[in-house]
């Protein structure tokens, strides 16, 4: 089995579209939380940058992330966000770099 994979995605709403973005992600979260291999799918508002949101995800494996990438919930989310975002999502796929306390040093 492969190691867990962390994803950090930045979403920037068009001015006045913040509520659309928040509702679309909230609707997707319910479905994504039931996807196989989903360990974390947490949506955050950037307090220092209005209209910017950060999604932090943790997947059991690269394979689970791949399945998520093709899932209906993600397709629906993309369609719902299409006219509400100012730019394409900035998606970073991450692997931990071991250091310090293993429990505290990785998501």
PDB file of N, CA and C in Angstrom:
ATOM      1  N   UNK A   1       0.846  -1.186   0.000  1.00  0.00           N
ATOM      2  CA  UNK A   1       0.000   0.000   0.000  1.00  0.00           C
ATOM      3  C   UNK A   1       0.888   1.244   0.000  1.00  0.00           C
ATOM      4  N   UNK A   2       0.467   2.257  -0.742  1.00  0.00           N
ATOM      5  CA  UNK A   2       1.269   3.471  -0.825  1.00  0.00           C
ATOM      6  C   UNK A   2       0.996   4.397   0.362  1.00  0.00           C
ATOM      7  N   UNK A   3       1.843   5.392   0.500  1.00  0.00           N
ATOM      8  CA  UNK A   3       1.705   6.358   1.587  1.00  0.00           C
ATOM      9  C   UNK A   3       0.540   7.308   1.330  1.00  0.00           C
ATOM     10  N   UNK A   4       0.000   7.910   2.394  1.00  0.00           N
ATOM     11  CA  UNK A   4      -1.046   8.918   2.215  1.00  0.00           C
ATOM     12  C   UNK A   4      -0.543  10.095   1.386  1.00  0.00           C
ATOM     13  N   UNK A   5      -1.482  10.739   0.720  1.00  0.00           N
ATOM     14  CA  UNK A   5      -1.189  11.890  -0.132  1.00  0.00           C
ATOM     15  C   UNK A   5      -1.980  13.087   0.392  1.00  0.00           C
ATOM     16  N   UNK A   6      -1.312  14.223   0.483  1.00  0.00           N
ATOM     17  CA  UNK A   6      -1.960  15.458   0.918  1.00  0.00           C
ATOM     18  C   UNK A   6      -2.110  16.377  -0.285  1.00  0.00           C
ATOM     19  N   UNK A   7      -3.255  17.009  -0.384  1.00  0.00           N
ATOM     20  CA  UNK A   7      -3.536  17.959  -1.452  1.00  0.00           C
ATOM     21  C   UNK A   7      -3.934  19.274  -0.805  1.00  0.00           C
ATOM     22  N   UNK A   8      -3.383  20.365  -1.326  1.00  0.00           N
ATOM     23  CA  UNK A   8      -3.784  21.702  -0.908  1.00  0.00           C
ATOM     24  C   UNK A   8      -4.224  22.439  -2.170  1.00  0.00           C
ATOM     25  N   UNK A   9      -5.474  22.834  -2.194  1.00  0.00           N
ATOM     26  CA  UNK A   9      -6.020  23.531  -3.360  1.00  0.00           C
ATOM     27  C   UNK A   9      -6.462  24.931  -2.946  1.00  0.00           C
ATOM     28  N   UNK A  10      -6.053  25.919  -3.724  1.00  0.00           N
ATOM     29  CA  UNK A  10      -6.441  27.302  -3.475  1.00  0.00           C
ATOM     30  C   UNK A  10      -7.516  27.690  -4.482  1.00  0.00           C
ATOM     31  N   UNK A  11      -8.595  28.242  -3.954  1.00  0.00           N
ATOM     32  CA  UNK A  11      -9.729  28.683  -4.766  1.00  0.00           C
ATOM     33  C   UNK A  11      -9.894  30.172  -4.532  1.00  0.00           C
ATOM     34  N   UNK A  12      -9.975  30.952  -5.602  1.00  0.00           N
ATOM     35  CA  UNK A  12     -10.188  32.393  -5.479  1.00  0.00           C
ATOM     36  C   UNK A  12     -11.524  32.726  -6.144  1.00  0.00           C
ATOM     37  N   UNK A  13     -12.453  33.197  -5.330  1.00  0.00           N
ATOM     38  CA  UNK A  13     -13.772  33.553  -5.827  1.00  0.00           C
ATOM     39  C   UNK A  13     -13.733  34.905  -6.540  1.00  0.00           C
ATOM     40  N   UNK A  14     -14.543  35.022  -7.565  1.00  0.00           N
ATOM     41  CA  UNK A  14     -14.746  36.335  -8.165  1.00  0.00           C
ATOM     42  C   UNK A  14     -15.437  37.213  -7.123  1.00  0.00           C
ATOM     43  N   UNK A  15     -15.195  38.519  -7.143  1.00  0.00           N
ATOM     44  CA  UNK A  15     -15.886  39.397  -6.188  1.00  0.00           C
ATOM     45  C   UNK A  15     -17.397  39.178  -6.263  1.00  0.00           C
ATOM     46  N   UNK A  16     -18.008  39.016  -5.113  1.00  0.00           N
ATOM     47  CA  UNK A  16     -19.449  38.803  -5.024  1.00  0.00           C
ATOM     48  C   UNK A  16     -19.875  37.355  -5.204  1.00  0.00           C
ATOM     49  N   UNK A  17     -18.946  36.450  -5.469  1.00  0.00           N
ATOM     50  CA  UNK A  17     -19.273  35.042  -5.692  1.00  0.00           C
ATOM     51  C   UNK A  17     -18.875  34.143  -4.523  1.00  0.00           C
ATOM     52  N   UNK A  18     -18.490  34.752  -3.429  1.00  0.00           N
ATOM     53  CA  UNK A  18     -18.026  33.976  -2.274  1.00  0.00           C
ATOM     54  C   UNK A  18     -19.088  32.991  -1.773  1.00  0.00           C
ATOM     55  N   UNK A  19     -20.312  33.420  -1.701  1.00  0.00           N
ATOM     56  CA  UNK A  19     -21.373  32.541  -1.212  1.00  0.00           C
ATOM     57  C   UNK A  19     -21.588  31.364  -2.158  1.00  0.00           C
ATOM     58  N   UNK A  20     -21.491  31.607  -3.457  1.00  0.00           N
ATOM     59  CA  UNK A  20     -21.622  30.535  -4.442  1.00  0.00           C
ATOM     60  C   UNK A  20     -20.532  29.490  -4.218  1.00  0.00           C
ATOM     61  N   UNK A  21     -19.292  29.952  -4.036  1.00  0.00           N
ATOM     62  CA  UNK A  21     -18.168  29.044  -3.809  1.00  0.00           C
ATOM     63  C   UNK A  21     -18.394  28.249  -2.523  1.00  0.00           C
ATOM     64  N   UNK A  22     -18.752  28.921  -1.450  1.00  0.00           N
ATOM     65  CA  UNK A  22     -18.935  28.236  -0.172  1.00  0.00           C
ATOM     66  C   UNK A  22     -20.040  27.190  -0.243  1.00  0.00           C
ATOM     67  N   UNK A  23     -21.150  27.514  -0.877  1.00  0.00           N
ATOM     68  CA  UNK A  23     -22.254  26.558  -0.981  1.00  0.00           C
ATOM     69  C   UNK A  23     -21.889  25.377  -1.875  1.00  0.00           C
ATOM     70  N   UNK A  24     -21.175  25.643  -2.959  1.00  0.00           N
ATOM     71  CA  UNK A  24     -20.781  24.564  -3.868  1.00  0.00           C
ATOM     72  C   UNK A  24     -19.843  23.583  -3.171  1.00  0.00           C
ATOM     73  N   UNK A  25     -18.884  24.106  -2.440  1.00  0.00           N
ATOM     74  CA  UNK A  25     -17.942  23.226  -1.747  1.00  0.00           C
ATOM     75  C   UNK A  25     -18.640  22.469  -0.628  1.00  0.00           C
ATOM     76  N   UNK A  26     -19.509  23.130   0.103  1.00  0.00           N
ATOM     77  CA  UNK A  26     -20.244  22.457   1.182  1.00  0.00           C
ATOM     78  C   UNK A  26     -21.055  21.286   0.631  1.00  0.00           C
ATOM     79  N   UNK A  27     -21.663  21.473  -0.522  1.00  0.00           N
ATOM     80  CA  UNK A  27     -22.436  20.395  -1.139  1.00  0.00           C
ATOM     81  C   UNK A  27     -21.524  19.241  -1.546  1.00  0.00           C
ATOM     82  N   UNK A  28     -20.352  19.553  -2.067  1.00  0.00           N
ATOM     83  CA  UNK A  28     -19.411  18.512  -2.497  1.00  0.00           C
ATOM     84  C   UNK A  28     -18.832  17.763  -1.301  1.00  0.00           C
ATOM     85  N   UNK A  29     -18.586  18.466  -0.216  1.00  0.00           N
ATOM     86  CA  UNK A  29     -17.943  17.845   0.951  1.00  0.00           C
ATOM     87  C   UNK A  29     -18.699  16.621   1.442  1.00  0.00           C
ATOM     88  N   UNK A  30     -19.988  16.721   1.492  1.00  0.00           N
ATOM     89  CA  UNK A  30     -20.789  15.612   2.002  1.00  0.00           C
ATOM     90  C   UNK A  30     -20.532  14.346   1.189  1.00  0.00           C
ATOM     91  N   UNK A  31     -20.493  14.481  -0.123  1.00  0.00           N
ATOM     92  CA  UNK A  31     -20.245  13.324  -0.988  1.00  0.00           C
ATOM     93  C   UNK A  31     -18.789  12.865  -0.901  1.00  0.00           C
ATOM     94  N   UNK A  32     -17.862  13.809  -0.919  1.00  0.00           N
ATOM     95  CA  UNK A  32     -16.445  13.448  -0.905  1.00  0.00           C
ATOM     96  C   UNK A  32     -16.077  12.740   0.391  1.00  0.00           C
ATOM     97  N   UNK A  33     -16.654  13.153   1.495  1.00  0.00           N
ATOM     98  CA  UNK A  33     -16.344  12.526   2.779  1.00  0.00           C
ATOM     99  C   UNK A  33     -16.681  11.033   2.789  1.00  0.00           C
ATOM    100  N   UNK A  34     -17.548  10.583   1.897  1.00  0.00           N
ATOM    101  CA  UNK A  34     -17.907   9.162   1.834  1.00  0.00           C
ATOM    102  C   UNK A  34     -17.091   8.399   0.796  1.00  0.00           C
ATOM    103  N   UNK A  35     -16.236   9.087   0.039  1.00  0.00           N
ATOM    104  CA  UNK A  35     -15.435   8.412  -0.977  1.00  0.00           C
ATOM    105  C   UNK A  35     -14.389   7.505  -0.321  1.00  0.00           C
ATOM    106  N   UNK A  36     -14.145   6.347  -0.922  1.00  0.00           N
ATOM    107  CA  UNK A  36     -13.120   5.444  -0.384  1.00  0.00           C
ATOM    108  C   UNK A  36     -11.762   6.132  -0.335  1.00  0.00           C
ATOM    109  N   UNK A  37     -11.079   6.012   0.796  1.00  0.00           N
ATOM    110  CA  UNK A  37      -9.736   6.573   0.920  1.00  0.00           C
ATOM    111  C   UNK A  37      -9.672   8.023   1.344  1.00  0.00           C
ATOM    112  N   UNK A  38     -10.818   8.673   1.540  1.00  0.00           N
ATOM    113  CA  UNK A  38     -10.810  10.070   2.001  1.00  0.00           C
ATOM    114  C   UNK A  38     -10.544  10.090   3.500  1.00  0.00           C
ATOM    115  N   UNK A  39      -9.413  10.676   3.875  1.00  0.00           N
ATOM    116  CA  UNK A  39      -9.054  10.803   5.285  1.00  0.00           C
ATOM    117  C   UNK A  39      -9.306  12.210   5.807  1.00  0.00           C
ATOM    118  N   UNK A  40      -9.333  13.181   4.900  1.00  0.00           N
ATOM    119  CA  UNK A  40      -9.567  14.582   5.279  1.00  0.00           C
ATOM    120  C   UNK A  40      -9.959  15.349   4.032  1.00  0.00           C
ATOM    121  N   UNK A  41     -11.000  16.163   4.138  1.00  0.00           N
ATOM    122  CA  UNK A  41     -11.422  17.042   3.046  1.00  0.00           C
ATOM    123  C   UNK A  41     -12.013  18.258   3.743  1.00  0.00           C
ATOM    124  N   UNK A  42     -11.137  19.214   4.058  1.00  0.00           N
ATOM    125  CA  UNK A  42     -11.497  20.327   4.939  1.00  0.00           C
ATOM    126  C   UNK A  42     -11.328  21.662   4.214  1.00  0.00           C
ATOM    127  N   UNK A  43     -12.366  22.456   4.219  1.00  0.00           N
ATOM    128  CA  UNK A  43     -12.436  23.729   3.508  1.00  0.00           C
ATOM    129  C   UNK A  43     -12.215  24.876   4.484  1.00  0.00           C
ATOM    130  N   UNK A  44     -11.368  25.841   4.093  1.00  0.00           N
ATOM    131  CA  UNK A  44     -11.017  26.965   4.965  1.00  0.00           C
ATOM    132  C   UNK A  44     -11.091  28.284   4.213  1.00  0.00           C
ATOM    133  N   UNK A  45     -11.505  29.300   4.909  1.00  0.00           N
ATOM    134  CA  UNK A  45     -11.508  30.676   4.396  1.00  0.00           C
ATOM    135  C   UNK A  45     -10.185  31.311   4.817  1.00  0.00           C
ATOM    136  N   UNK A  46      -9.494  31.974   3.889  1.00  0.00           N
ATOM    137  CA  UNK A  46      -8.256  32.682   4.219  1.00  0.00           C
ATOM    138  C   UNK A  46      -8.633  34.004   4.867  1.00  0.00           C
ATOM    139  N   UNK A  47      -8.353  34.150   6.152  1.00  0.00           N
ATOM    140  CA  UNK A  47      -8.744  35.367   6.881  1.00  0.00           C
ATOM    141  C   UNK A  47      -7.998  36.603   6.405  1.00  0.00           C
ATOM    142  N   UNK A  48      -6.834  36.426   5.818  1.00  0.00           N
ATOM    143  CA  UNK A  48      -6.044  37.565   5.357  1.00  0.00           C
ATOM    144  C   UNK A  48      -6.325  37.989   3.937  1.00  0.00           C
ATOM    145  N   UNK A  49      -7.078  37.173   3.193  1.00  0.00           N
ATOM    146  CA  UNK A  49      -7.354  37.472   1.784  1.00  0.00           C
ATOM    147  C   UNK A  49      -8.813  37.159   1.484  1.00  0.00           C
ATOM    148  N   UNK A  50      -9.683  38.147   1.566  1.00  0.00           N
ATOM    149  CA  UNK A  50     -11.100  37.918   1.280  1.00  0.00           C
ATOM    150  C   UNK A  50     -11.288  37.286  -0.100  1.00  0.00           C
ATOM    151  N   UNK A  51     -12.163  36.301  -0.152  1.00  0.00           N
ATOM    152  CA  UNK A  51     -12.454  35.630  -1.412  1.00  0.00           C
ATOM    153  C   UNK A  51     -11.513  34.486  -1.727  1.00  0.00           C
ATOM    154  N   UNK A  52     -10.506  34.265  -0.894  1.00  0.00           N
ATOM    155  CA  UNK A  52      -9.582  33.151  -1.120  1.00  0.00           C
ATOM    156  C   UNK A  52      -9.897  32.040  -0.126  1.00  0.00           C
ATOM    157  N   UNK A  53      -9.925  30.824  -0.654  1.00  0.00           N
ATOM    158  CA  UNK A  53     -10.242  29.651   0.141  1.00  0.00           C
ATOM    159  C   UNK A  53      -9.159  28.600  -0.065  1.00  0.00           C
ATOM    160  N   UNK A  54      -8.958  27.787   0.956  1.00  0.00           N
ATOM    161  CA  UNK A  54      -7.977  26.716   0.895  1.00  0.00           C
ATOM    162  C   UNK A  54      -8.669  25.401   1.259  1.00  0.00           C
ATOM    163  N   UNK A  55      -8.524  24.423   0.390  1.00  0.00           N
ATOM    164  CA  UNK A  55      -9.024  23.079   0.661  1.00  0.00           C
ATOM    165  C   UNK A  55      -7.815  22.229   1.021  1.00  0.00           C
ATOM    166  N   UNK A  56      -7.874  21.587   2.174  1.00  0.00           N
ATOM    167  CA  UNK A  56      -6.812  20.680   2.600  1.00  0.00           C
ATOM    168  C   UNK A  56      -7.398  19.275   2.571  1.00  0.00           C
ATOM    169  N   UNK A  57      -6.735  18.417   1.814  1.00  0.00           N
ATOM    170  CA  UNK A  57      -7.218  17.053   1.645  1.00  0.00           C
ATOM    171  C   UNK A  57      -6.130  16.069   2.066  1.00  0.00           C
ATOM    172  N   UNK A  58      -6.572  14.923   2.528  1.00  0.00           N
ATOM    173  CA  UNK A  58      -5.640  13.819   2.775  1.00  0.00           C
ATOM    174  C   UNK A  58      -6.306  12.550   2.269  1.00  0.00           C
ATOM    175  N   UNK A  59      -5.570  11.855   1.428  1.00  0.00           N
ATOM    176  CA  UNK A  59      -6.071  10.632   0.812  1.00  0.00           C
ATOM    177  C   UNK A  59      -5.208   9.457   1.236  1.00  0.00           C
ATOM    178  N   UNK A  60      -5.826   8.334   1.416  1.00  0.00           N
ATOM    179  CA  UNK A  60      -5.169   7.115   1.859  1.00  0.00           C
ATOM    180  C   UNK A  60      -4.011   6.718   0.932  1.00  0.00           C
ATOM    181  N   UNK A  61      -4.136   7.035  -0.350  1.00  0.00           N
ATOM    182  CA  UNK A  61      -3.120   6.650  -1.325  1.00  0.00           C
ATOM    183  C   UNK A  61      -3.272   7.484  -2.591  1.00  0.00           C
ATOM    184  N   UNK A  62      -2.273   7.401  -3.444  1.00  0.00           N
ATOM    185  CA  UNK A  62      -2.350   8.061  -4.749  1.00  0.00           C
ATOM    186  C   UNK A  62      -3.509   7.478  -5.557  1.00  0.00           C
ATOM    187  N   UNK A  63      -3.746   6.180  -5.391  1.00  0.00           N
ATOM    188  CA  UNK A  63      -4.841   5.526  -6.096  1.00  0.00           C
ATOM    189  C   UNK A  63      -6.192   6.101  -5.661  1.00  0.00           C
ATOM    190  N   UNK A  64      -6.367   6.304  -4.372  1.00  0.00           N
ATOM    191  CA  UNK A  64      -7.621   6.879  -3.864  1.00  0.00           C
ATOM    192  C   UNK A  64      -7.804   8.302  -4.395  1.00  0.00           C
ATOM    193  N   UNK A  65      -6.724   9.066  -4.449  1.00  0.00           N
ATOM    194  CA  UNK A  65      -6.802  10.421  -5.012  1.00  0.00           C
ATOM    195  C   UNK A  65      -7.196  10.350  -6.485  1.00  0.00           C
ATOM    196  N   UNK A  66      -6.664   9.378  -7.201  1.00  0.00           N
ATOM    197  CA  UNK A  66      -7.014   9.214  -8.611  1.00  0.00           C
ATOM    198  C   UNK A  66      -8.490   8.922  -8.813  1.00  0.00           C
ATOM    199  N   UNK A  67      -9.048   8.079  -7.962  1.00  0.00           N
ATOM    200  CA  UNK A  67     -10.485   7.775  -8.029  1.00  0.00           C
ATOM    201  C   UNK A  67     -11.285   9.041  -7.732  1.00  0.00           C
ATOM    202  N   UNK A  68     -10.863   9.786  -6.720  1.00  0.00           N
ATOM    203  CA  UNK A  68     -11.533  11.048  -6.377  1.00  0.00           C
ATOM    204  C   UNK A  68     -11.531  12.002  -7.572  1.00  0.00           C
ATOM    205  N   UNK A  69     -10.414  12.046  -8.283  1.00  0.00           N
ATOM    206  CA  UNK A  69     -10.298  12.952  -9.428  1.00  0.00           C
ATOM    207  C   UNK A  69     -11.288  12.676 -10.540  1.00  0.00           C
ATOM    208  N   UNK A  70     -11.850  11.468 -10.559  1.00  0.00           N
ATOM    209  CA  UNK A  70     -12.821  11.087 -11.587  1.00  0.00           C
ATOM    210  C   UNK A  70     -14.244  10.994 -11.041  1.00  0.00           C
ATOM    211  N   UNK A  71     -14.410  11.279  -9.755  1.00  0.00           N
ATOM    212  CA  UNK A  71     -15.702  11.090  -9.094  1.00  0.00           C
ATOM    213  C   UNK A  71     -16.726  12.147  -9.504  1.00  0.00           C
ATOM    214  N   UNK A  72     -17.977  11.761  -9.417  1.00  0.00           N
ATOM    215  CA  UNK A  72     -19.074  12.656  -9.773  1.00  0.00           C
ATOM    216  C   UNK A  72     -19.078  13.924  -8.921  1.00  0.00           C
ATOM    217  N   UNK A  73     -18.752  13.794  -7.636  1.00  0.00           N
ATOM    218  CA  UNK A  73     -18.772  14.966  -6.747  1.00  0.00           C
ATOM    219  C   UNK A  73     -17.794  16.035  -7.236  1.00  0.00           C
ATOM    220  N   UNK A  74     -16.633  15.619  -7.712  1.00  0.00           N
ATOM    221  CA  UNK A  74     -15.644  16.583  -8.190  1.00  0.00           C
ATOM    222  C   UNK A  74     -16.078  17.192  -9.520  1.00  0.00           C
ATOM    223  N   UNK A  75     -16.686  16.393 -10.379  1.00  0.00           N
ATOM    224  CA  UNK A  75     -17.217  16.940 -11.651  1.00  0.00           C
ATOM    225  C   UNK A  75     -18.309  17.966 -11.374  1.00  0.00           C
ATOM    226  N   UNK A  76     -19.196  17.633 -10.442  1.00  0.00           N
ATOM    227  CA  UNK A  76     -20.274  18.563 -10.083  1.00  0.00           C
ATOM    228  C   UNK A  76     -19.709  19.848  -9.480  1.00  0.00           C
ATOM    229  N   UNK A  77     -18.678  19.707  -8.633  1.00  0.00           N
ATOM    230  CA  UNK A  77     -18.067  20.882  -8.024  1.00  0.00           C
ATOM    231  C   UNK A  77     -17.434  21.769  -9.091  1.00  0.00           C
ATOM    232  N   UNK A  78     -16.729  21.171 -10.020  1.00  0.00           N
ATOM    233  CA  UNK A  78     -16.116  21.946 -11.098  1.00  0.00           C
ATOM    234  C   UNK A  78     -17.148  22.729 -11.887  1.00  0.00           C
ATOM    235  N   UNK A  79     -18.275  22.095 -12.185  1.00  0.00           N
ATOM    236  CA  UNK A  79     -19.343  22.776 -12.922  1.00  0.00           C
ATOM    237  C   UNK A  79     -19.930  23.921 -12.097  1.00  0.00           C
ATOM    238  N   UNK A  80     -20.120  23.694 -10.803  1.00  0.00           N
ATOM    239  CA  UNK A  80     -20.695  24.726  -9.933  1.00  0.00           C
ATOM    240  C   UNK A  80     -19.763  25.915  -9.753  1.00  0.00           C
ATOM    241  N   UNK A  81     -18.458  25.667  -9.799  1.00  0.00           N
ATOM    242  CA  UNK A  81     -17.486  26.747  -9.601  1.00  0.00           C
ATOM    243  C   UNK A  81     -17.107  27.472 -10.888  1.00  0.00           C
ATOM    244  N   UNK A  82     -17.459  26.917 -12.028  1.00  0.00           N
ATOM    245  CA  UNK A  82     -16.967  27.415 -13.319  1.00  0.00           C
ATOM    246  C   UNK A  82     -17.091  28.928 -13.491  1.00  0.00           C
ATOM    247  N   UNK A  83     -18.227  29.500 -13.162  1.00  0.00           N
ATOM    248  CA  UNK A  83     -18.432  30.942 -13.351  1.00  0.00           C
ATOM    249  C   UNK A  83     -18.185  31.745 -12.081  1.00  0.00           C
ATOM    250  N   UNK A  84     -17.798  31.079 -10.993  1.00  0.00           N
ATOM    251  CA  UNK A  84     -17.660  31.762  -9.701  1.00  0.00           C
ATOM    252  C   UNK A  84     -16.215  32.008  -9.292  1.00  0.00           C
ATOM    253  N   UNK A  85     -15.269  31.419 -10.007  1.00  0.00           N
ATOM    254  CA  UNK A  85     -13.867  31.575  -9.616  1.00  0.00           C
ATOM    255  C   UNK A  85     -13.136  32.526 -10.558  1.00  0.00           C
ATOM    256  N   UNK A  86     -12.154  33.228  -9.978  1.00  0.00           N
ATOM    257  CA  UNK A  86     -11.400  34.231 -10.718  1.00  0.00           C
ATOM    258  C   UNK A  86     -10.278  33.631 -11.550  1.00  0.00           C
ATOM    259  N   UNK A  87      -9.862  32.414 -11.222  1.00  0.00           N
ATOM    260  CA  UNK A  87      -8.748  31.765 -11.915  1.00  0.00           C
ATOM    261  C   UNK A  87      -8.880  30.265 -11.705  1.00  0.00           C
ATOM    262  N   UNK A  88      -8.179  29.477 -12.510  1.00  0.00           N
ATOM    263  CA  UNK A  88      -8.181  28.029 -12.256  1.00  0.00           C
ATOM    264  C   UNK A  88      -7.671  27.729 -10.853  1.00  0.00           C
ATOM    265  N   UNK A  89      -8.185  26.664 -10.266  1.00  0.00           N
ATOM    266  CA  UNK A  89      -7.728  26.277  -8.933  1.00  0.00           C
ATOM    267  C   UNK A  89      -6.233  25.961  -8.974  1.00  0.00           C
ATOM    268  N   UNK A  90      -5.526  26.367  -7.939  1.00  0.00           N
ATOM    269  CA  UNK A  90      -4.110  26.044  -7.789  1.00  0.00           C
ATOM    270  C   UNK A  90      -4.045  24.814  -6.899  1.00  0.00           C
ATOM    271  N   UNK A  91      -3.726  23.668  -7.488  1.00  0.00           N
ATOM    272  CA  UNK A  91      -3.743  22.397  -6.770  1.00  0.00           C
ATOM    273  C   UNK A  91      -2.316  21.894  -6.599  1.00  0.00           C
ATOM    274  N   UNK A  92      -1.944  21.650  -5.348  1.00  0.00           N
ATOM    275  CA  UNK A  92      -0.626  21.131  -5.009  1.00  0.00           C
ATOM    276  C   UNK A  92      -0.795  19.751  -4.385  1.00  0.00           C
ATOM    277  N   UNK A  93      -0.102  18.763  -4.923  1.00  0.00           N
ATOM    278  CA  UNK A  93      -0.122  17.406  -4.376  1.00  0.00           C
ATOM    279  C   UNK A  93       1.189  17.218  -3.634  1.00  0.00           C
ATOM    280  N   UNK A  94       1.094  16.855  -2.351  1.00  0.00           N
ATOM    281  CA  UNK A  94       2.252  16.873  -1.464  1.00  0.00           C
ATOM    282  C   UNK A  94       2.543  15.515  -0.830  1.00  0.00           C
ATOM    283  N   UNK A  95       3.806  15.300  -0.536  1.00  0.00           N
ATOM    284  CA  UNK A  95       4.242  14.138   0.238  1.00  0.00           C
ATOM    285  C   UNK A  95       5.041  14.671   1.420  1.00  0.00           C
ATOM    286  N   UNK A  96       4.880  14.084   2.601  1.00  0.00           N
ATOM    287  CA  UNK A  96       5.591  14.595   3.772  1.00  0.00           C
ATOM    288  C   UNK A  96       7.098  14.374   3.675  1.00  0.00           C
ATOM    289  N   UNK A  97       7.835  15.276   4.275  1.00  0.00           N
ATOM    290  CA  UNK A  97       9.276  15.144   4.443  1.00  0.00           C
ATOM    291  C   UNK A  97       9.476  14.836   5.922  1.00  0.00           C
ATOM    292  N   UNK A  98       9.898  13.613   6.258  1.00  0.00           N
ATOM    293  CA  UNK A  98      10.000  13.228   7.666  1.00  0.00           C
ATOM    294  C   UNK A  98      10.937  14.145   8.468  1.00  0.00           C
ATOM    295  N   UNK A  99      10.521  14.409   9.685  1.00  0.00           N
ATOM    296  CA  UNK A  99      11.349  15.197  10.590  1.00  0.00           C
ATOM    297  C   UNK A  99      10.641  15.395  11.911  1.00  0.00           C
ATOM    298  N   UNK A 100      11.391  15.437  12.961  1.00  0.00           N
ATOM    299  CA  UNK A 100      10.808  15.658  14.287  1.00  0.00           C
ATOM    300  C   UNK A 100       9.904  14.508  14.680  1.00  0.00           C
ATOM    301  N   UNK A 101       8.890  14.830  15.448  1.00  0.00           N
ATOM    302  CA  UNK A 101       7.907  13.856  15.907  1.00  0.00           C
ATOM    303  C   UNK A 101       7.056  13.427  14.711  1.00  0.00           C
ATOM    304  N   UNK A 102       7.018  12.147  14.405  1.00  0.00           N
ATOM    305  CA  UNK A 102       6.281  11.648  13.240  1.00  0.00           C
ATOM    306  C   UNK A 102       4.796  12.000  13.292  1.00  0.00           C
ATOM    307  N   UNK A 103       4.225  12.060  14.470  1.00  0.00           N
ATOM    308  CA  UNK A 103       2.811  12.397  14.616  1.00  0.00           C
ATOM    309  C   UNK A 103       2.562  13.875  14.360  1.00  0.00           C
ATOM    310  N   UNK A 104       3.486  14.722  14.758  1.00  0.00           N
ATOM    311  CA  UNK A 104       3.316  16.163  14.616  1.00  0.00           C
ATOM    312  C   UNK A 104       3.891  16.711  13.319  1.00  0.00           C
ATOM    313  N   UNK A 105       4.730  15.918  12.659  1.00  0.00           N
ATOM    314  CA  UNK A 105       5.453  16.417  11.491  1.00  0.00           C
ATOM    315  C   UNK A 105       4.789  16.143  10.159  1.00  0.00           C
ATOM    316  N   UNK A 106       3.584  15.578  10.149  1.00  0.00           N
ATOM    317  CA  UNK A 106       2.887  15.306   8.889  1.00  0.00           C
ATOM    318  C   UNK A 106       1.391  15.342   9.128  1.00  0.00           C
ATOM    319  N   UNK A 107       0.671  15.663   8.085  1.00  0.00           N
ATOM    320  CA  UNK A 107      -0.791  15.610   8.151  1.00  0.00           C
ATOM    321  C   UNK A 107      -1.246  14.186   8.019  1.00  0.00           C
TER     322      UNK A 107
END
